[in-house]
Amino acid sequence: MTEGVRVEMSSVGPVALPPKPSELVILYLHGDRYLTGAPEAALGLAGRLALRTGASVVCARYRNAFPAALEDVQAGYCYSQAAGPVVVAGERLGAGLGAALLVRLRDAGAALPRCAVLVSGLLDLTMRAPSLLLNGAADANFRVGELRRQVALYAAGTPLTDPLLSPLHANLHGLPPVQLLAAGNDVLLDDTLAFAARAARSGVPVDLRVQPDAASLGTETLPAMPAFIAGSGNGTITTARFGRSAS
């Protein structure tokens, strides 16, 4: 764990706490390439994020099936909301769940988070994006068949175009500012690009950043997220950026 950060367990998952927590809470939703994993795997990033932002970072635990996963994420949001203003962040399936949470909260007329950060988001479970095959063919460690199998298990019979399962198919009007981070060689790149375009057309403030590869995305993510979160608090949102960050 990051030095100076302590971890406490909560009813919704582990929480990374900086030495002097502010009132801000980041609800972080983990995710990996094949829709598996546990929130503990995100604690390293959560600790560094807590130090950079001063926020308590809640690493919510969720079940690996829809709609139970979204219900768990909403429970994590309610827990976080009780402590202060909330930012929602997530990676891969966690990013998709974060986007779906925004849609569900908006449709319910509930209070929305300050902003959201979606990293390499799995936002369209129909799996029709060209980058899935084009970038996947260049990645010897990626198995598209395994991802499709895991997606089918996760969907549990729900139509893959359901907007709460695949938020790329949702009405995005009225969502809070969204930062989208991706790598140019990522299999889910097209999910990010399509979501950014639809959100922008819906009047959502969007900060899109595409890095050349996974290594540069990893370098960019930690400085980019706190800067965006701080900017969303004062109304300053940066524009789309492709290539290496100057950060």
Protein backbone atom coordinates (compact mmCIF):
# COMPACT_ATOMS: atom_id res chain seq x y z
CA MET A 1 0.00 0.00 0.00
CA THR A 2 1.13 3.58 -0.63
CA GLU A 3 3.15 5.04 2.24
CA GLY A 4 1.12 7.42 4.40
CA VAL A 5 -2.20 5.93 3.30
CA ARG A 6 -4.20 3.68 5.56
CA VAL A 7 -6.85 1.21 4.45
CA GLU A 8 -10.09 0.64 6.32
CA MET A 9 -12.79 -1.86 5.51
CA SER A 10 -16.34 -0.65 4.98
CA SER A 11 -19.66 -2.30 4.23
CA VAL A 12 -19.09 -1.71 0.49
CA GLY A 13 -15.36 -2.48 0.19
CA PRO A 14 -11.91 -1.23 1.22
CA VAL A 15 -11.34 2.52 1.61
CA ALA A 16 -7.97 4.23 1.06
CA LEU A 17 -7.56 7.23 3.38
CA PRO A 18 -4.88 9.93 3.03
CA PRO A 19 -3.23 11.39 6.15
CA LYS A 20 -5.62 14.36 6.23
CA PRO A 21 -8.78 13.44 4.31
CA SER A 22 -10.84 16.22 2.76
CA GLU A 23 -14.59 15.92 2.43
CA LEU A 24 -14.24 14.69 -1.18
CA VAL A 25 -14.90 11.01 -1.83
CA ILE A 26 -13.84 9.10 -4.95
CA LEU A 27 -15.86 5.98 -5.67
CA TYR A 28 -13.40 3.81 -7.62
CA LEU A 29 -14.72 0.83 -9.59
CA HIS A 30 -12.09 -1.74 -10.48
CA GLY A 31 -11.96 -3.74 -13.69
CA ASP A 32 -9.63 -5.88 -15.72
CA ARG A 33 -9.43 -7.31 -19.21
CA TYR A 34 -11.74 -10.28 -18.65
CA LEU A 35 -14.33 -8.88 -16.21
CA THR A 36 -12.74 -10.57 -13.21
CA GLY A 37 -10.80 -9.35 -10.20
CA ALA A 38 -11.47 -7.77 -6.84
CA PRO A 39 -11.36 -4.21 -5.46
CA GLU A 40 -8.18 -4.97 -3.52
CA ALA A 41 -6.33 -4.99 -6.86
CA ALA A 42 -7.11 -1.26 -7.20
CA LEU A 43 -5.73 -0.27 -3.80
CA GLY A 44 -2.32 0.77 -5.14
CA LEU A 45 -3.83 3.28 -7.55
CA ALA A 46 -6.43 4.26 -4.95
CA GLY A 47 -3.69 5.09 -2.43
CA ARG A 48 -1.77 7.27 -4.89
CA LEU A 49 -4.99 8.97 -5.92
CA ALA A 50 -5.88 9.61 -2.27
CA LEU A 51 -2.51 11.31 -1.70
CA ARG A 52 -2.83 13.47 -4.82
CA THR A 53 -6.40 14.60 -4.22
CA GLY A 54 -6.80 14.42 -0.44
CA ALA A 55 -9.95 12.37 -1.07
CA SER A 56 -11.06 9.17 0.60
CA VAL A 57 -11.13 6.53 -2.15
CA VAL A 58 -13.83 3.89 -1.80
CA CYS A 59 -12.98 0.74 -3.78
CA ALA A 60 -16.44 -0.72 -4.11
CA ARG A 61 -16.98 -4.46 -4.31
CA TYR A 62 -19.53 -5.67 -6.84
CA ARG A 63 -20.90 -9.00 -7.99
CA ASN A 64 -19.89 -10.34 -11.40
CA ALA A 65 -23.37 -10.39 -12.92
CA PHE A 66 -25.88 -7.83 -14.18
CA PRO A 67 -27.96 -6.17 -12.73
CA ALA A 68 -26.55 -7.14 -9.32
CA ALA A 69 -23.25 -5.42 -10.15
CA LEU A 70 -24.98 -2.11 -10.82
CA GLU A 71 -27.00 -2.44 -7.62
CA ASP A 72 -23.78 -2.96 -5.66
CA VAL A 73 -22.17 0.06 -7.33
CA GLN A 74 -25.18 2.20 -6.46
CA ALA A 75 -24.91 1.03 -2.86
CA GLY A 76 -21.26 2.11 -2.95
CA TYR A 77 -22.34 5.50 -4.27
CA CYS A 78 -24.90 5.97 -1.51
CA TYR A 79 -22.25 5.05 1.06
CA SER A 80 -19.81 7.55 -0.46
CA GLN A 81 -22.45 10.27 -0.78
CA ALA A 82 -23.11 10.16 2.95
CA ALA A 83 -19.52 11.25 3.57
CA GLY A 84 -19.25 14.17 1.13
CA PRO A 85 -19.25 15.22 -2.54
CA VAL A 86 -18.52 12.26 -4.79
CA VAL A 87 -16.47 11.63 -7.91
CA VAL A 88 -17.05 8.34 -9.76
CA ALA A 89 -14.04 6.69 -11.44
CA GLY A 90 -13.51 3.29 -12.97
CA GLU A 91 -11.54 1.13 -15.37
CA ARG A 92 -12.82 -1.28 -18.04
CA LEU A 93 -16.01 -2.94 -16.70
CA GLY A 94 -15.79 -0.60 -13.71
CA ALA A 95 -15.85 2.36 -16.11
CA GLY A 96 -18.91 0.90 -17.83
CA LEU A 97 -20.62 0.49 -14.48
CA GLY A 98 -19.69 4.06 -13.58
CA ALA A 99 -21.28 5.38 -16.77
CA ALA A 100 -24.38 3.25 -16.21
CA LEU A 101 -24.61 4.58 -12.65
CA LEU A 102 -24.69 8.16 -13.99
CA VAL A 103 -27.56 7.24 -16.32
CA ARG A 104 -29.50 5.47 -13.58
CA LEU A 105 -29.09 8.34 -11.11
CA ARG A 106 -30.14 10.91 -13.70
CA ASP A 107 -33.22 8.92 -14.69
CA ALA A 108 -34.20 8.61 -11.02
CA GLY A 109 -33.79 12.34 -10.42
CA ALA A 110 -31.11 11.59 -7.81
CA ALA A 111 -28.13 13.77 -6.97
CA LEU A 112 -25.33 13.24 -9.49
CA PRO A 113 -21.62 13.03 -8.69
CA ARG A 114 -19.37 16.03 -9.31
CA CYS A 115 -17.80 14.31 -12.31
CA ALA A 116 -16.71 10.91 -13.63
CA VAL A 117 -13.44 9.47 -14.93
CA LEU A 118 -13.64 6.47 -17.27
CA VAL A 119 -10.40 4.64 -18.11
CA SER A 120 -10.41 2.19 -21.06
CA GLY A 121 -14.12 1.75 -20.51
CA LEU A 122 -16.12 -1.30 -21.59
CA LEU A 123 -19.10 0.78 -22.67
CA ASP A 124 -20.69 -1.38 -25.38
CA LEU A 125 -21.14 -5.06 -24.60
CA THR A 126 -22.37 -5.87 -28.13
CA MET A 127 -18.63 -6.17 -28.87
CA ARG A 128 -18.96 -4.77 -32.40
CA ALA A 129 -16.21 -2.15 -32.17
CA PRO A 130 -13.55 -2.45 -34.93
CA SER A 131 -10.78 -1.83 -32.39
CA LEU A 132 -11.74 -5.06 -30.64
CA LEU A 133 -10.50 -7.06 -33.63
CA LEU A 134 -7.94 -4.66 -35.12
CA ASN A 135 -6.08 -3.92 -31.89
CA GLY A 136 -6.82 -7.35 -30.51
CA ALA A 137 -5.06 -9.00 -33.46
CA ALA A 138 -1.87 -7.14 -32.55
CA ASP A 139 -2.02 -8.19 -28.89
CA ALA A 140 -0.72 -11.71 -28.39
CA ASN A 141 -2.05 -11.77 -24.81
CA PHE A 142 -5.63 -10.86 -25.70
CA ARG A 143 -8.30 -13.49 -26.41
CA VAL A 144 -11.46 -11.98 -27.88
CA GLY A 145 -13.33 -15.26 -27.48
CA GLU A 146 -12.70 -15.29 -23.74
CA LEU A 147 -13.92 -11.71 -23.38
CA ARG A 148 -17.09 -12.53 -25.32
CA ARG A 149 -17.66 -15.55 -23.09
CA GLN A 150 -17.26 -13.47 -19.93
CA VAL A 151 -19.55 -10.76 -21.32
CA ALA A 152 -22.27 -13.35 -22.01
CA LEU A 153 -21.98 -14.68 -18.46
CA TYR A 154 -22.05 -11.18 -17.01
CA ALA A 155 -25.09 -10.08 -19.06
CA ALA A 156 -27.05 -13.09 -17.73
CA GLY A 157 -29.61 -12.94 -20.55
CA THR A 158 -30.07 -9.16 -20.58
CA PRO A 159 -30.11 -7.73 -24.14
CA LEU A 160 -26.62 -6.39 -24.81
CA THR A 161 -28.03 -3.06 -26.03
CA ASP A 162 -29.73 -2.38 -22.68
CA PRO A 163 -28.50 1.14 -21.81
CA LEU A 164 -27.68 0.18 -18.23
CA LEU A 165 -25.60 -2.74 -19.48
CA SER A 166 -24.05 -0.89 -22.44
CA PRO A 167 -24.17 2.83 -21.56
CA LEU A 168 -22.96 3.76 -25.06
CA HIS A 169 -26.58 3.05 -26.08
CA ALA A 170 -28.05 5.33 -23.39
CA ASN A 171 -29.37 8.87 -23.64
CA LEU A 172 -26.43 10.86 -22.26
CA HIS A 173 -28.11 14.24 -21.83
CA GLY A 174 -27.75 15.82 -18.40
CA LEU A 175 -24.72 13.85 -17.22
CA PRO A 176 -21.95 15.54 -15.21
CA PRO A 177 -18.52 16.30 -16.75
CA VAL A 178 -16.73 13.15 -17.92
CA GLN A 179 -13.04 12.47 -18.47
CA LEU A 180 -12.25 9.60 -20.84
CA LEU A 181 -8.75 8.10 -20.88
CA ALA A 182 -7.64 5.47 -23.38
CA ALA A 183 -4.69 4.04 -25.30
CA GLY A 184 -4.53 4.10 -29.09
CA ASN A 185 -3.70 0.39 -29.20
CA ASP A 186 -6.35 -0.69 -26.69
CA VAL A 187 -9.05 -3.15 -27.77
CA LEU A 188 -11.70 -0.88 -26.18
CA LEU A 189 -10.49 2.33 -27.84
CA ASP A 190 -13.60 2.66 -30.03
CA ASP A 191 -15.89 2.42 -27.00
CA THR A 192 -14.15 5.47 -25.54
CA LEU A 193 -14.18 7.47 -28.78
CA ALA A 194 -17.84 6.75 -29.51
CA PHE A 195 -18.91 7.59 -25.96
CA ALA A 196 -16.94 10.86 -26.05
CA ALA A 197 -18.61 11.87 -29.31
CA ARG A 198 -22.12 11.01 -28.11
CA ALA A 199 -21.61 12.74 -24.77
CA ALA A 200 -20.28 15.88 -26.44
CA ARG A 201 -23.26 15.97 -28.83
CA SER A 202 -25.51 15.70 -25.77
CA GLY A 203 -23.94 18.78 -24.19
CA VAL A 204 -21.87 16.91 -21.61
CA PRO A 205 -18.47 18.53 -20.84
CA VAL A 206 -15.90 15.98 -22.05
CA ASP A 207 -12.15 15.72 -21.49
CA LEU A 208 -10.88 13.05 -23.90
CA ARG A 209 -7.26 11.94 -23.74
CA VAL A 210 -5.83 9.21 -25.95
CA GLN A 211 -2.28 8.06 -25.34
CA PRO A 212 -0.24 5.98 -27.83
CA ASP A 213 -0.08 2.80 -25.77
CA ALA A 214 -0.87 1.20 -22.42
CA ALA A 215 2.45 2.28 -20.89
CA SER A 216 1.92 5.96 -21.67
CA LEU A 217 -1.70 5.72 -20.56
CA GLY A 218 -0.51 4.36 -17.23
CA THR A 219 1.88 7.28 -16.88
CA GLU A 220 -0.80 9.80 -17.83
CA THR A 221 -3.68 8.46 -15.74
CA LEU A 222 -2.50 9.44 -12.27
CA PRO A 223 -1.72 13.12 -13.01
CA ALA A 224 -4.68 13.52 -15.40
CA MET A 225 -7.38 12.35 -12.99
CA PRO A 226 -6.67 14.77 -10.09
CA ALA A 227 -6.30 17.71 -12.48
CA PHE A 228 -9.68 16.94 -14.05
CA ILE A 229 -11.35 16.40 -10.68
CA ALA A 230 -10.03 19.75 -9.44
CA GLY A 231 -11.13 21.45 -12.65
CA SER A 232 -14.65 20.03 -12.41
CA GLY A 233 -14.97 21.64 -9.02
CA ASN A 234 -14.29 25.12 -10.38
CA GLY A 235 -15.93 24.71 -13.77
CA THR A 236 -12.71 24.38 -15.79
CA ILE A 237 -12.74 21.43 -18.21
CA THR A 238 -9.91 20.90 -20.69
CA THR A 239 -10.39 19.86 -24.31
CA ALA A 240 -9.64 16.66 -26.19
CA ARG A 241 -6.00 15.63 -26.37
CA PHE A 242 -4.33 12.98 -28.49
CA GLY A 243 -0.76 11.75 -28.09
CA ARG A 244 1.58 12.34 -25.22
CA SER A 245 0.53 14.62 -22.40
CA ALA A 246 2.62 17.59 -21.48
CA SER A 247 1.96 16.83 -17.83
